[in-house]
């Protein structure tokens, strides 16, 4: 997993998507950081309060709306748990990565 190439590709997608706002991008970046900290598992559990803090989101409604919208826009796969003691599952969808070393073409 080349995380720099993944982030560059994700930012290109964000730039093309007129429906995203800074809150979506902040939430995606918090989820990406959490994914990175946990060594890029295919699926991982998240705790709402922790991700909201990382993304600087103060409203539960905004958090859930942005998660659903990131899911429907195919940036993530969101699997809500509906259980307050068990975090929801997230699968980060892979953008533009390969096993190759990133090389500056200039």
N, C-alpha and C. Protein backbone atom coordinates (compact mmCIF):
# COMPACT_ATOMS: atom_id res chain seq x y z
N UNK A 1 0.85 -1.18 0.00
CA UNK A 1 0.00 0.00 0.00
C UNK A 1 0.89 1.23 0.00
N UNK A 2 0.83 2.00 -1.05
CA UNK A 2 1.59 3.24 -1.14
C UNK A 2 0.67 4.37 -0.70
N UNK A 3 0.81 4.81 0.56
CA UNK A 3 -0.15 5.76 1.08
C UNK A 3 -0.01 7.15 0.47
N UNK A 4 1.17 7.54 0.01
CA UNK A 4 1.33 8.84 -0.63
C UNK A 4 0.59 8.84 -1.96
N UNK A 5 0.76 7.80 -2.73
CA UNK A 5 0.07 7.70 -4.01
C UNK A 5 -1.45 7.63 -3.79
N UNK A 6 -1.86 6.90 -2.75
CA UNK A 6 -3.29 6.82 -2.43
C UNK A 6 -3.84 8.21 -2.10
N UNK A 7 -3.15 8.95 -1.25
CA UNK A 7 -3.62 10.29 -0.88
C UNK A 7 -3.65 11.23 -2.08
N UNK A 8 -2.62 11.18 -2.91
CA UNK A 8 -2.60 12.03 -4.11
C UNK A 8 -3.80 11.71 -5.00
N UNK A 9 -4.10 10.44 -5.18
CA UNK A 9 -5.25 10.04 -6.00
C UNK A 9 -6.57 10.45 -5.34
N UNK A 10 -6.64 10.32 -4.03
CA UNK A 10 -7.86 10.72 -3.31
C UNK A 10 -8.08 12.22 -3.46
N UNK A 11 -7.01 13.02 -3.34
CA UNK A 11 -7.16 14.47 -3.49
C UNK A 11 -7.59 14.84 -4.91
N UNK A 12 -7.12 14.11 -5.91
CA UNK A 12 -7.59 14.34 -7.28
C UNK A 12 -9.09 14.07 -7.38
N UNK A 13 -9.54 12.99 -6.74
CA UNK A 13 -10.98 12.68 -6.73
C UNK A 13 -11.77 13.77 -6.00
N UNK A 14 -11.26 14.24 -4.87
CA UNK A 14 -11.94 15.30 -4.12
C UNK A 14 -12.10 16.55 -4.99
N UNK A 15 -11.03 16.87 -5.73
CA UNK A 15 -11.04 18.06 -6.57
C UNK A 15 -12.10 17.98 -7.66
N UNK A 16 -12.38 16.79 -8.16
CA UNK A 16 -13.36 16.59 -9.22
C UNK A 16 -14.80 16.53 -8.70
N UNK A 17 -14.97 16.30 -7.40
CA UNK A 17 -16.30 16.05 -6.83
C UNK A 17 -16.90 17.34 -6.26
N UNK A 18 -17.89 17.91 -6.94
CA UNK A 18 -18.48 19.18 -6.46
C UNK A 18 -19.35 19.01 -5.22
N UNK A 19 -19.68 17.79 -4.83
CA UNK A 19 -20.56 17.57 -3.69
C UNK A 19 -19.82 17.55 -2.36
N UNK A 20 -18.50 17.45 -2.39
CA UNK A 20 -17.74 17.39 -1.15
C UNK A 20 -17.48 18.78 -0.59
N UNK A 21 -17.49 18.86 0.73
CA UNK A 21 -17.12 20.10 1.39
C UNK A 21 -15.95 19.81 2.34
N UNK A 22 -15.40 20.82 2.99
CA UNK A 22 -14.25 20.59 3.87
C UNK A 22 -14.50 19.57 4.98
N UNK A 23 -15.73 19.44 5.44
CA UNK A 23 -16.04 18.48 6.50
C UNK A 23 -15.87 17.05 5.99
N UNK A 24 -16.29 16.80 4.76
CA UNK A 24 -16.09 15.47 4.17
C UNK A 24 -14.60 15.13 4.10
N UNK A 25 -13.82 16.10 3.63
CA UNK A 25 -12.38 15.87 3.46
C UNK A 25 -11.71 15.68 4.82
N UNK A 26 -12.11 16.47 5.80
CA UNK A 26 -11.56 16.32 7.14
C UNK A 26 -11.88 14.95 7.73
N UNK A 27 -13.11 14.49 7.54
CA UNK A 27 -13.50 13.17 8.03
C UNK A 27 -12.73 12.08 7.30
N UNK A 28 -12.59 12.21 5.99
CA UNK A 28 -11.83 11.22 5.23
C UNK A 28 -10.39 11.17 5.73
N UNK A 29 -9.80 12.32 5.97
CA UNK A 29 -8.40 12.36 6.43
C UNK A 29 -8.27 11.74 7.82
N UNK A 30 -9.24 11.96 8.69
CA UNK A 30 -9.22 11.34 10.02
C UNK A 30 -9.33 9.82 9.90
N UNK A 31 -10.21 9.35 9.01
CA UNK A 31 -10.35 7.91 8.79
C UNK A 31 -9.07 7.34 8.18
N UNK A 32 -8.46 8.07 7.26
CA UNK A 32 -7.21 7.61 6.66
C UNK A 32 -6.12 7.51 7.71
N UNK A 33 -6.02 8.50 8.58
CA UNK A 33 -5.00 8.48 9.64
C UNK A 33 -5.23 7.29 10.58
N UNK A 34 -6.48 7.05 10.93
CA UNK A 34 -6.82 5.92 11.80
C UNK A 34 -6.46 4.60 11.12
N UNK A 35 -6.73 4.51 9.82
CA UNK A 35 -6.39 3.33 9.01
C UNK A 35 -4.89 3.13 8.99
N UNK A 36 -4.16 4.23 8.82
CA UNK A 36 -2.69 4.19 8.80
C UNK A 36 -2.15 3.74 10.15
N UNK A 37 -2.65 4.30 11.24
CA UNK A 37 -2.20 3.93 12.59
C UNK A 37 -2.39 2.44 12.84
N UNK A 38 -3.46 1.88 12.29
CA UNK A 38 -3.77 0.47 12.48
C UNK A 38 -3.17 -0.42 11.40
N UNK A 39 -2.22 0.11 10.62
CA UNK A 39 -1.46 -0.63 9.61
C UNK A 39 -2.29 -1.16 8.45
N UNK A 40 -3.24 -0.33 7.99
CA UNK A 40 -4.01 -0.57 6.78
C UNK A 40 -4.75 -1.91 6.72
N UNK A 41 -5.56 -2.23 7.75
CA UNK A 41 -6.36 -3.46 7.64
C UNK A 41 -7.44 -3.28 6.58
N UNK A 42 -7.95 -4.38 6.06
CA UNK A 42 -9.02 -4.28 5.05
C UNK A 42 -10.25 -3.59 5.62
N UNK A 43 -10.65 -3.99 6.81
CA UNK A 43 -11.81 -3.40 7.49
C UNK A 43 -11.38 -3.12 8.92
N UNK A 44 -11.84 -1.99 9.47
CA UNK A 44 -11.48 -1.66 10.84
C UNK A 44 -12.67 -1.02 11.56
N UNK A 45 -12.69 -1.17 12.87
CA UNK A 45 -13.72 -0.57 13.71
C UNK A 45 -13.30 0.85 14.10
N UNK A 46 -14.27 1.75 14.15
CA UNK A 46 -13.99 3.11 14.58
C UNK A 46 -14.89 3.46 15.77
N UNK A 47 -14.37 4.32 16.61
CA UNK A 47 -15.15 4.88 17.71
C UNK A 47 -15.53 6.31 17.32
N UNK A 48 -16.81 6.58 17.28
CA UNK A 48 -17.32 7.87 16.81
C UNK A 48 -16.63 9.05 17.47
N UNK A 49 -16.54 9.05 18.80
CA UNK A 49 -15.98 10.20 19.50
C UNK A 49 -14.53 10.46 19.10
N UNK A 50 -13.77 9.40 18.93
CA UNK A 50 -12.36 9.55 18.57
C UNK A 50 -12.22 10.12 17.16
N UNK A 51 -12.98 9.61 16.21
CA UNK A 51 -12.91 10.09 14.83
C UNK A 51 -13.44 11.52 14.74
N UNK A 52 -14.52 11.82 15.45
CA UNK A 52 -15.05 13.18 15.45
C UNK A 52 -14.01 14.16 15.97
N UNK A 53 -13.30 13.78 17.03
CA UNK A 53 -12.25 14.64 17.58
C UNK A 53 -11.13 14.84 16.56
N UNK A 54 -10.69 13.76 15.92
CA UNK A 54 -9.62 13.86 14.93
C UNK A 54 -10.03 14.73 13.74
N UNK A 55 -11.30 14.65 13.33
CA UNK A 55 -11.79 15.39 12.17
C UNK A 55 -12.27 16.79 12.53
N UNK A 56 -12.28 17.11 13.81
CA UNK A 56 -12.76 18.41 14.28
C UNK A 56 -14.23 18.62 13.92
N UNK A 57 -15.02 17.57 14.09
CA UNK A 57 -16.46 17.63 13.84
C UNK A 57 -17.16 17.64 15.20
N UNK A 58 -18.03 18.61 15.42
CA UNK A 58 -18.68 18.75 16.71
C UNK A 58 -20.07 18.18 16.80
N UNK A 59 -20.67 17.84 15.67
CA UNK A 59 -22.05 17.38 15.64
C UNK A 59 -22.13 15.92 15.20
N UNK A 60 -22.86 15.12 15.98
CA UNK A 60 -23.06 13.72 15.60
C UNK A 60 -23.82 13.61 14.28
N UNK A 61 -24.78 14.50 14.08
CA UNK A 61 -25.56 14.48 12.84
C UNK A 61 -24.67 14.75 11.63
N UNK A 62 -23.76 15.71 11.75
CA UNK A 62 -22.82 16.02 10.66
C UNK A 62 -21.90 14.85 10.40
N UNK A 63 -21.41 14.24 11.46
CA UNK A 63 -20.52 13.08 11.34
C UNK A 63 -21.21 11.95 10.57
N UNK A 64 -22.43 11.60 10.98
CA UNK A 64 -23.14 10.50 10.33
C UNK A 64 -23.54 10.86 8.90
N UNK A 65 -23.94 12.10 8.66
CA UNK A 65 -24.28 12.52 7.31
C UNK A 65 -23.06 12.41 6.39
N UNK A 66 -21.91 12.90 6.85
CA UNK A 66 -20.70 12.85 6.03
C UNK A 66 -20.23 11.42 5.79
N UNK A 67 -20.35 10.55 6.79
CA UNK A 67 -20.00 9.14 6.59
C UNK A 67 -20.88 8.52 5.51
N UNK A 68 -22.18 8.75 5.60
CA UNK A 68 -23.11 8.19 4.60
C UNK A 68 -22.80 8.74 3.21
N UNK A 69 -22.48 10.03 3.12
CA UNK A 69 -22.19 10.64 1.83
C UNK A 69 -20.85 10.15 1.26
N UNK A 70 -19.85 9.95 2.11
CA UNK A 70 -18.59 9.38 1.64
C UNK A 70 -18.82 7.95 1.14
N UNK A 71 -19.69 7.23 1.82
CA UNK A 71 -20.04 5.86 1.40
C UNK A 71 -20.76 5.89 0.05
N UNK A 72 -21.76 6.73 -0.08
CA UNK A 72 -22.53 6.76 -1.33
C UNK A 72 -21.70 7.28 -2.50
N UNK A 73 -20.66 8.08 -2.22
CA UNK A 73 -19.77 8.59 -3.27
C UNK A 73 -18.61 7.65 -3.56
N UNK A 74 -18.58 6.50 -2.88
CA UNK A 74 -17.58 5.44 -3.11
C UNK A 74 -16.15 5.83 -2.69
N UNK A 75 -16.05 6.62 -1.62
CA UNK A 75 -14.73 6.89 -1.03
C UNK A 75 -14.41 5.86 0.05
N UNK A 76 -15.47 5.41 0.74
CA UNK A 76 -15.34 4.41 1.80
C UNK A 76 -16.52 3.45 1.70
N UNK A 77 -16.41 2.35 2.42
CA UNK A 77 -17.55 1.47 2.64
C UNK A 77 -17.86 1.58 4.12
N UNK A 78 -19.05 2.08 4.45
CA UNK A 78 -19.46 2.33 5.82
C UNK A 78 -20.45 1.25 6.24
N UNK A 79 -20.11 0.52 7.29
CA UNK A 79 -20.97 -0.54 7.81
C UNK A 79 -21.34 -0.19 9.26
N UNK A 80 -22.46 0.54 9.45
CA UNK A 80 -22.83 0.95 10.80
C UNK A 80 -23.17 -0.23 11.70
N UNK A 81 -22.80 -0.14 12.97
CA UNK A 81 -23.05 -1.26 13.89
C UNK A 81 -24.39 -1.11 14.59
N UNK A 82 -24.87 0.11 14.80
CA UNK A 82 -26.10 0.39 15.56
C UNK A 82 -26.00 -0.15 16.99
N UNK A 83 -24.79 -0.37 17.46
CA UNK A 83 -24.55 -0.86 18.82
C UNK A 83 -23.60 0.14 19.49
N UNK A 84 -24.03 0.78 20.59
CA UNK A 84 -23.17 1.80 21.21
C UNK A 84 -21.88 1.23 21.81
N UNK A 85 -21.81 -0.07 22.01
CA UNK A 85 -20.61 -0.67 22.61
C UNK A 85 -19.65 -1.23 21.56
N UNK A 86 -20.08 -1.26 20.32
CA UNK A 86 -19.23 -1.79 19.26
C UNK A 86 -19.19 -0.76 18.14
N UNK A 87 -17.99 -0.33 17.78
CA UNK A 87 -17.86 0.69 16.75
C UNK A 87 -18.30 0.21 15.38
N UNK A 88 -18.65 1.16 14.54
CA UNK A 88 -18.99 0.84 13.16
C UNK A 88 -17.75 0.38 12.43
N UNK A 89 -17.95 -0.32 11.32
CA UNK A 89 -16.83 -0.78 10.51
C UNK A 89 -16.66 0.14 9.30
N UNK A 90 -15.41 0.33 8.93
CA UNK A 90 -15.07 1.13 7.76
C UNK A 90 -14.12 0.32 6.89
N UNK A 91 -14.36 0.39 5.60
CA UNK A 91 -13.40 -0.15 4.64
C UNK A 91 -13.00 1.01 3.74
N UNK A 92 -11.72 1.31 3.71
CA UNK A 92 -11.23 2.38 2.86
C UNK A 92 -11.06 1.82 1.45
N UNK A 93 -11.67 2.48 0.48
CA UNK A 93 -11.52 2.04 -0.91
C UNK A 93 -10.20 2.57 -1.44
N UNK A 94 -9.50 1.78 -2.21
CA UNK A 94 -8.14 2.09 -2.66
C UNK A 94 -8.17 2.93 -3.93
N UNK A 95 -7.39 4.00 -3.93
CA UNK A 95 -7.28 4.88 -5.09
C UNK A 95 -5.86 4.87 -5.63
N UNK A 96 -5.68 4.58 -6.90
CA UNK A 96 -4.44 4.77 -7.63
C UNK A 96 -3.17 4.30 -6.97
N UNK A 97 -3.16 3.12 -6.40
CA UNK A 97 -1.94 2.64 -5.77
C UNK A 97 -1.45 1.39 -6.47
N UNK A 98 -0.19 1.18 -6.32
CA UNK A 98 0.43 -0.04 -6.84
C UNK A 98 1.59 -0.37 -5.94
N UNK A 99 2.26 -1.43 -6.22
CA UNK A 99 3.41 -1.81 -5.42
C UNK A 99 4.68 -1.11 -5.84
N UNK A 100 4.60 -0.24 -6.86
CA UNK A 100 5.79 0.40 -7.39
C UNK A 100 6.19 1.61 -6.56
N UNK A 101 7.47 1.94 -6.60
CA UNK A 101 7.99 3.14 -5.96
C UNK A 101 7.48 4.36 -6.71
N UNK A 102 7.07 5.39 -5.98
CA UNK A 102 6.62 6.62 -6.61
C UNK A 102 7.86 7.37 -7.10
N UNK A 103 7.84 7.79 -8.35
CA UNK A 103 8.97 8.50 -8.93
C UNK A 103 8.48 9.82 -9.50
N UNK A 104 9.20 10.90 -9.19
CA UNK A 104 8.88 12.19 -9.76
C UNK A 104 9.29 12.17 -11.23
N UNK A 105 8.36 12.40 -12.14
CA UNK A 105 8.61 12.30 -13.58
C UNK A 105 9.41 13.48 -14.13
N UNK A 106 9.61 14.53 -13.35
CA UNK A 106 10.33 15.70 -13.86
C UNK A 106 11.80 15.49 -13.83
